[in-house]
């Protein structure tokens, strides 16, 4: 039973991989760009919260 479930998940993964591979280069670039944007915004938010905590400590 367990092996069957693992096999099913593997098949699903390969299916996803094929779909991703079939997707155009532009789409990949878009995903990368979005990921970069998310990372930048996340780091910005983190630095902002850090600044806020530091300010609170200073007061």
PDB file of N, CA and C in Angstrom:
ATOM      1  N   UNK A   1       0.843  -1.208   0.000  1.00  0.00           N
ATOM      2  CA  UNK A   1       0.000   0.000   0.000  1.00  0.00           C
ATOM      3  C   UNK A   1       0.875   1.253   0.000  1.00  0.00           C
ATOM      4  N   UNK A   2       1.854   1.255   0.878  1.00  0.00           N
ATOM      5  CA  UNK A   2       2.734   2.413   0.991  1.00  0.00           C
ATOM      6  C   UNK A   2       3.485   2.636  -0.316  1.00  0.00           C
ATOM      7  N   UNK A   3       3.997   1.568  -0.890  1.00  0.00           N
ATOM      8  CA  UNK A   3       4.757   1.671  -2.143  1.00  0.00           C
ATOM      9  C   UNK A   3       3.874   2.270  -3.230  1.00  0.00           C
ATOM     10  N   UNK A   4       2.618   1.840  -3.247  1.00  0.00           N
ATOM     11  CA  UNK A   4       1.679   2.334  -4.247  1.00  0.00           C
ATOM     12  C   UNK A   4       1.495   3.845  -4.122  1.00  0.00           C
ATOM     13  N   UNK A   5       1.365   4.324  -2.903  1.00  0.00           N
ATOM     14  CA  UNK A   5       1.189   5.762  -2.673  1.00  0.00           C
ATOM     15  C   UNK A   5       2.434   6.528  -3.095  1.00  0.00           C
ATOM     16  N   UNK A   6       3.595   5.994  -2.772  1.00  0.00           N
ATOM     17  CA  UNK A   6       4.856   6.630  -3.176  1.00  0.00           C
ATOM     18  C   UNK A   6       4.922   6.696  -4.699  1.00  0.00           C
ATOM     19  N   UNK A   7       4.545   5.588  -5.337  1.00  0.00           N
ATOM     20  CA  UNK A   7       4.557   5.520  -6.797  1.00  0.00           C
ATOM     21  C   UNK A   7       3.620   6.571  -7.390  1.00  0.00           C
ATOM     22  N   UNK A   8       2.429   6.696  -6.799  1.00  0.00           N
ATOM     23  CA  UNK A   8       1.458   7.687  -7.260  1.00  0.00           C
ATOM     24  C   UNK A   8       2.023   9.100  -7.142  1.00  0.00           C
ATOM     25  N   UNK A   9       2.629   9.390  -6.015  1.00  0.00           N
ATOM     26  CA  UNK A   9       3.205  10.726  -5.804  1.00  0.00           C
ATOM     27  C   UNK A   9       4.342  10.988  -6.790  1.00  0.00           C
ATOM     28  N   UNK A  10       5.147   9.956  -7.039  1.00  0.00           N
ATOM     29  CA  UNK A  10       6.239  10.091  -8.006  1.00  0.00           C
ATOM     30  C   UNK A  10       5.703  10.386  -9.397  1.00  0.00           C
ATOM     31  N   UNK A  11       4.665   9.677  -9.785  1.00  0.00           N
ATOM     32  CA  UNK A  11       4.053   9.890 -11.092  1.00  0.00           C
ATOM     33  C   UNK A  11       3.514  11.309 -11.204  1.00  0.00           C
ATOM     34  N   UNK A  12       2.914  11.762 -10.125  1.00  0.00           N
ATOM     35  CA  UNK A  12       2.381  13.126 -10.106  1.00  0.00           C
ATOM     36  C   UNK A  12       3.521  14.132 -10.272  1.00  0.00           C
ATOM     37  N   UNK A  13       4.616  13.889  -9.572  1.00  0.00           N
ATOM     38  CA  UNK A  13       5.782  14.766  -9.668  1.00  0.00           C
ATOM     39  C   UNK A  13       6.330  14.810 -11.085  1.00  0.00           C
ATOM     40  N   UNK A  14       6.452  13.645 -11.699  1.00  0.00           N
ATOM     41  CA  UNK A  14       6.967  13.599 -13.073  1.00  0.00           C
ATOM     42  C   UNK A  14       6.027  14.328 -14.023  1.00  0.00           C
ATOM     43  N   UNK A  15       4.728  14.176 -13.779  1.00  0.00           N
ATOM     44  CA  UNK A  15       3.738  14.876 -14.590  1.00  0.00           C
ATOM     45  C   UNK A  15       3.935  16.383 -14.472  1.00  0.00           C
ATOM     46  N   UNK A  16       4.086  16.847 -13.222  1.00  0.00           N
ATOM     47  CA  UNK A  16       4.320  18.270 -12.983  1.00  0.00           C
ATOM     48  C   UNK A  16       5.605  18.722 -13.654  1.00  0.00           C
ATOM     49  N   UNK A  17       6.640  17.902 -13.539  1.00  0.00           N
ATOM     50  CA  UNK A  17       7.935  18.237 -14.123  1.00  0.00           C
ATOM     51  C   UNK A  17       7.817  18.401 -15.627  1.00  0.00           C
ATOM     52  N   UNK A  18       7.076  17.484 -16.274  1.00  0.00           N
ATOM     53  CA  UNK A  18       6.859  17.568 -17.722  1.00  0.00           C
ATOM     54  C   UNK A  18       6.118  18.846 -18.074  1.00  0.00           C
ATOM     55  N   UNK A  19       5.103  19.151 -17.298  1.00  0.00           N
ATOM     56  CA  UNK A  19       4.329  20.373 -17.534  1.00  0.00           C
ATOM     57  C   UNK A  19       5.220  21.601 -17.413  1.00  0.00           C
ATOM     58  N   UNK A  20       6.026  21.629 -16.369  1.00  0.00           N
ATOM     59  CA  UNK A  20       6.925  22.764 -16.139  1.00  0.00           C
ATOM     60  C   UNK A  20       7.933  22.880 -17.279  1.00  0.00           C
ATOM     61  N   UNK A  21       8.473  21.734 -17.707  1.00  0.00           N
ATOM     62  CA  UNK A  21       9.453  21.737 -18.793  1.00  0.00           C
ATOM     63  C   UNK A  21       8.826  22.232 -20.088  1.00  0.00           C
ATOM     64  N   UNK A  22       7.565  21.863 -20.318  1.00  0.00           N
ATOM     65  CA  UNK A  22       6.871  22.264 -21.544  1.00  0.00           C
ATOM     66  C   UNK A  22       6.581  23.764 -21.551  1.00  0.00           C
ATOM     67  N   UNK A  23       6.459  24.328 -20.388  1.00  0.00           N
ATOM     68  CA  UNK A  23       6.161  25.764 -20.285  1.00  0.00           C
ATOM     69  C   UNK A  23       7.288  26.561 -20.932  1.00  0.00           C
ATOM     70  N   UNK A  24       6.909  27.649 -21.577  1.00  0.00           N
ATOM     71  CA  UNK A  24       7.879  28.436 -22.346  1.00  0.00           C
ATOM     72  C   UNK A  24       8.922  29.126 -21.469  1.00  0.00           C
ATOM     73  N   UNK A  25       9.992  29.529 -22.109  1.00  0.00           N
ATOM     74  CA  UNK A  25      11.108  30.196 -21.439  1.00  0.00           C
ATOM     75  C   UNK A  25      10.659  31.506 -20.802  1.00  0.00           C
ATOM     76  N   UNK A  26       9.804  32.226 -21.501  1.00  0.00           N
ATOM     77  CA  UNK A  26       9.301  33.511 -20.990  1.00  0.00           C
ATOM     78  C   UNK A  26       8.582  33.298 -19.664  1.00  0.00           C
ATOM     79  N   UNK A  27       7.788  32.247 -19.618  1.00  0.00           N
ATOM     80  CA  UNK A  27       7.046  31.932 -18.402  1.00  0.00           C
ATOM     81  C   UNK A  27       8.014  31.665 -17.249  1.00  0.00           C
ATOM     82  N   UNK A  28       9.082  30.936 -17.540  1.00  0.00           N
ATOM     83  CA  UNK A  28      10.099  30.642 -16.526  1.00  0.00           C
ATOM     84  C   UNK A  28      10.716  31.938 -16.014  1.00  0.00           C
ATOM     85  N   UNK A  29      11.013  32.830 -16.936  1.00  0.00           N
ATOM     86  CA  UNK A  29      11.594  34.119 -16.571  1.00  0.00           C
ATOM     87  C   UNK A  29      10.639  34.897 -15.674  1.00  0.00           C
ATOM     88  N   UNK A  30       9.365  34.839 -16.019  1.00  0.00           N
ATOM     89  CA  UNK A  30       8.343  35.532 -15.238  1.00  0.00           C
ATOM     90  C   UNK A  30       8.297  34.986 -13.815  1.00  0.00           C
ATOM     91  N   UNK A  31       8.337  33.663 -13.697  1.00  0.00           N
ATOM     92  CA  UNK A  31       8.318  33.022 -12.371  1.00  0.00           C
ATOM     93  C   UNK A  31       9.543  33.441 -11.565  1.00  0.00           C
ATOM     94  N   UNK A  32      10.707  33.428 -12.219  1.00  0.00           N
ATOM     95  CA  UNK A  32      11.946  33.836 -11.550  1.00  0.00           C
ATOM     96  C   UNK A  32      11.848  35.281 -11.075  1.00  0.00           C
ATOM     97  N   UNK A  33      11.322  36.133 -11.952  1.00  0.00           N
ATOM     98  CA  UNK A  33      11.175  37.548 -11.628  1.00  0.00           C
ATOM     99  C   UNK A  33      10.240  37.726 -10.433  1.00  0.00           C
ATOM    100  N   UNK A  34       9.135  36.991 -10.448  1.00  0.00           N
ATOM    101  CA  UNK A  34       8.180  37.054  -9.336  1.00  0.00           C
ATOM    102  C   UNK A  34       8.824  36.584  -8.036  1.00  0.00           C
ATOM    103  N   UNK A  35       9.600  35.516  -8.125  1.00  0.00           N
ATOM    104  CA  UNK A  35      10.289  35.003  -6.941  1.00  0.00           C
ATOM    105  C   UNK A  35      11.265  36.038  -6.397  1.00  0.00           C
ATOM    106  N   UNK A  36      12.002  36.671  -7.294  1.00  0.00           N
ATOM    107  CA  UNK A  36      12.940  37.718  -6.886  1.00  0.00           C
ATOM    108  C   UNK A  36      12.203  38.864  -6.211  1.00  0.00           C
ATOM    109  N   UNK A  37      11.098  39.257  -6.809  1.00  0.00           N
ATOM    110  CA  UNK A  37      10.289  40.343  -6.265  1.00  0.00           C
ATOM    111  C   UNK A  37       9.808  39.990  -4.859  1.00  0.00           C
ATOM    112  N   UNK A  38       9.330  38.764  -4.691  1.00  0.00           N
ATOM    113  CA  UNK A  38       8.869  38.308  -3.382  1.00  0.00           C
ATOM    114  C   UNK A  38      10.001  38.328  -2.363  1.00  0.00           C
ATOM    115  N   UNK A  39      11.159  37.856  -2.787  1.00  0.00           N
ATOM    116  CA  UNK A  39      12.318  37.844  -1.896  1.00  0.00           C
ATOM    117  C   UNK A  39      12.686  39.260  -1.469  1.00  0.00           C
ATOM    118  N   UNK A  40      12.685  40.173  -2.427  1.00  0.00           N
ATOM    119  CA  UNK A  40      13.042  41.570  -2.140  1.00  0.00           C
ATOM    120  C   UNK A  40      12.040  42.169  -1.159  1.00  0.00           C
ATOM    121  N   UNK A  41      10.753  41.980  -1.438  1.00  0.00           N
ATOM    122  CA  UNK A  41       9.730  42.533  -0.548  1.00  0.00           C
ATOM    123  C   UNK A  41       9.839  41.922   0.843  1.00  0.00           C
ATOM    124  N   UNK A  42      10.108  40.626   0.900  1.00  0.00           N
ATOM    125  CA  UNK A  42      10.242  39.937   2.182  1.00  0.00           C
ATOM    126  C   UNK A  42      11.408  40.509   2.980  1.00  0.00           C
ATOM    127  N   UNK A  43      12.544  40.693   2.314  1.00  0.00           N
ATOM    128  CA  UNK A  43      13.721  41.242   2.994  1.00  0.00           C
ATOM    129  C   UNK A  43      13.449  42.678   3.446  1.00  0.00           C
ATOM    130  N   UNK A  44      12.746  43.433   2.599  1.00  0.00           N
ATOM    131  CA  UNK A  44      12.386  44.811   2.951  1.00  0.00           C
ATOM    132  C   UNK A  44      11.532  44.823   4.215  1.00  0.00           C
ATOM    133  N   UNK A  45      10.523  43.986   4.234  1.00  0.00           N
ATOM    134  CA  UNK A  45       9.640  43.901   5.399  1.00  0.00           C
ATOM    135  C   UNK A  45      10.427  43.514   6.640  1.00  0.00           C
ATOM    136  N   UNK A  46      11.321  42.546   6.473  1.00  0.00           N
ATOM    137  CA  UNK A  46      12.122  42.080   7.606  1.00  0.00           C
ATOM    138  C   UNK A  46      13.001  43.208   8.141  1.00  0.00           C
ATOM    139  N   UNK A  47      13.653  43.935   7.244  1.00  0.00           N
ATOM    140  CA  UNK A  47      14.520  45.036   7.680  1.00  0.00           C
ATOM    141  C   UNK A  47      13.683  46.118   8.350  1.00  0.00           C
ATOM    142  N   UNK A  48      12.493  46.359   7.809  1.00  0.00           N
ATOM    143  CA  UNK A  48      11.619  47.375   8.379  1.00  0.00           C
ATOM    144  C   UNK A  48      11.221  46.998   9.800  1.00  0.00           C
ATOM    145  N   UNK A  49      10.843  45.752   9.998  1.00  0.00           N
ATOM    146  CA  UNK A  49      10.453  45.301  11.337  1.00  0.00           C
ATOM    147  C   UNK A  49      11.651  45.370  12.282  1.00  0.00           C
ATOM    148  N   UNK A  50      12.817  45.045  11.779  1.00  0.00           N
ATOM    149  CA  UNK A  50      14.034  45.128  12.587  1.00  0.00           C
ATOM    150  C   UNK A  50      14.285  46.568  13.015  1.00  0.00           C
ATOM    151  N   UNK A  51      14.128  47.492  12.076  1.00  0.00           N
ATOM    152  CA  UNK A  51      14.311  48.916  12.378  1.00  0.00           C
ATOM    153  C   UNK A  51      13.324  49.351  13.457  1.00  0.00           C
ATOM    154  N   UNK A  52      12.091  48.913  13.326  1.00  0.00           N
ATOM    155  CA  UNK A  52      11.062  49.270  14.296  1.00  0.00           C
ATOM    156  C   UNK A  52      11.433  48.772  15.687  1.00  0.00           C
ATOM    157  N   UNK A  53      11.899  47.555  15.782  1.00  0.00           N
ATOM    158  CA  UNK A  53      12.270  47.002  17.084  1.00  0.00           C
ATOM    159  C   UNK A  53      13.465  47.755  17.655  1.00  0.00           C
ATOM    160  N   UNK A  54      14.397  48.108  16.802  1.00  0.00           N
ATOM    161  CA  UNK A  54      15.570  48.851  17.255  1.00  0.00           C
ATOM    162  C   UNK A  54      15.155  50.232  17.777  1.00  0.00           C
ATOM    163  N   UNK A  55      14.236  50.870  17.073  1.00  0.00           N
ATOM    164  CA  UNK A  55      13.754  52.183  17.512  1.00  0.00           C
ATOM    165  C   UNK A  55      13.091  52.078  18.881  1.00  0.00           C
ATOM    166  N   UNK A  56      12.301  51.038  19.052  1.00  0.00           N
ATOM    167  CA  UNK A  56      11.625  50.834  20.334  1.00  0.00           C
ATOM    168  C   UNK A  56      12.648  50.683  21.454  1.00  0.00           C
ATOM    169  N   UNK A  57      13.718  49.972  21.168  1.00  0.00           N
ATOM    170  CA  UNK A  57      14.766  49.780  22.174  1.00  0.00           C
ATOM    171  C   UNK A  57      15.450  51.095  22.514  1.00  0.00           C
ATOM    172  N   UNK A  58      15.621  51.936  21.495  1.00  0.00           N
ATOM    173  CA  UNK A  58      16.305  53.218  21.716  1.00  0.00           C
ATOM    174  C   UNK A  58      15.500  54.139  22.628  1.00  0.00           C
ATOM    175  N   UNK A  59      14.172  54.090  22.497  1.00  0.00           N
ATOM    176  CA  UNK A  59      13.315  54.997  23.278  1.00  0.00           C
ATOM    177  C   UNK A  59      13.388  54.661  24.759  1.00  0.00           C
TER     178      UNK A  59
END
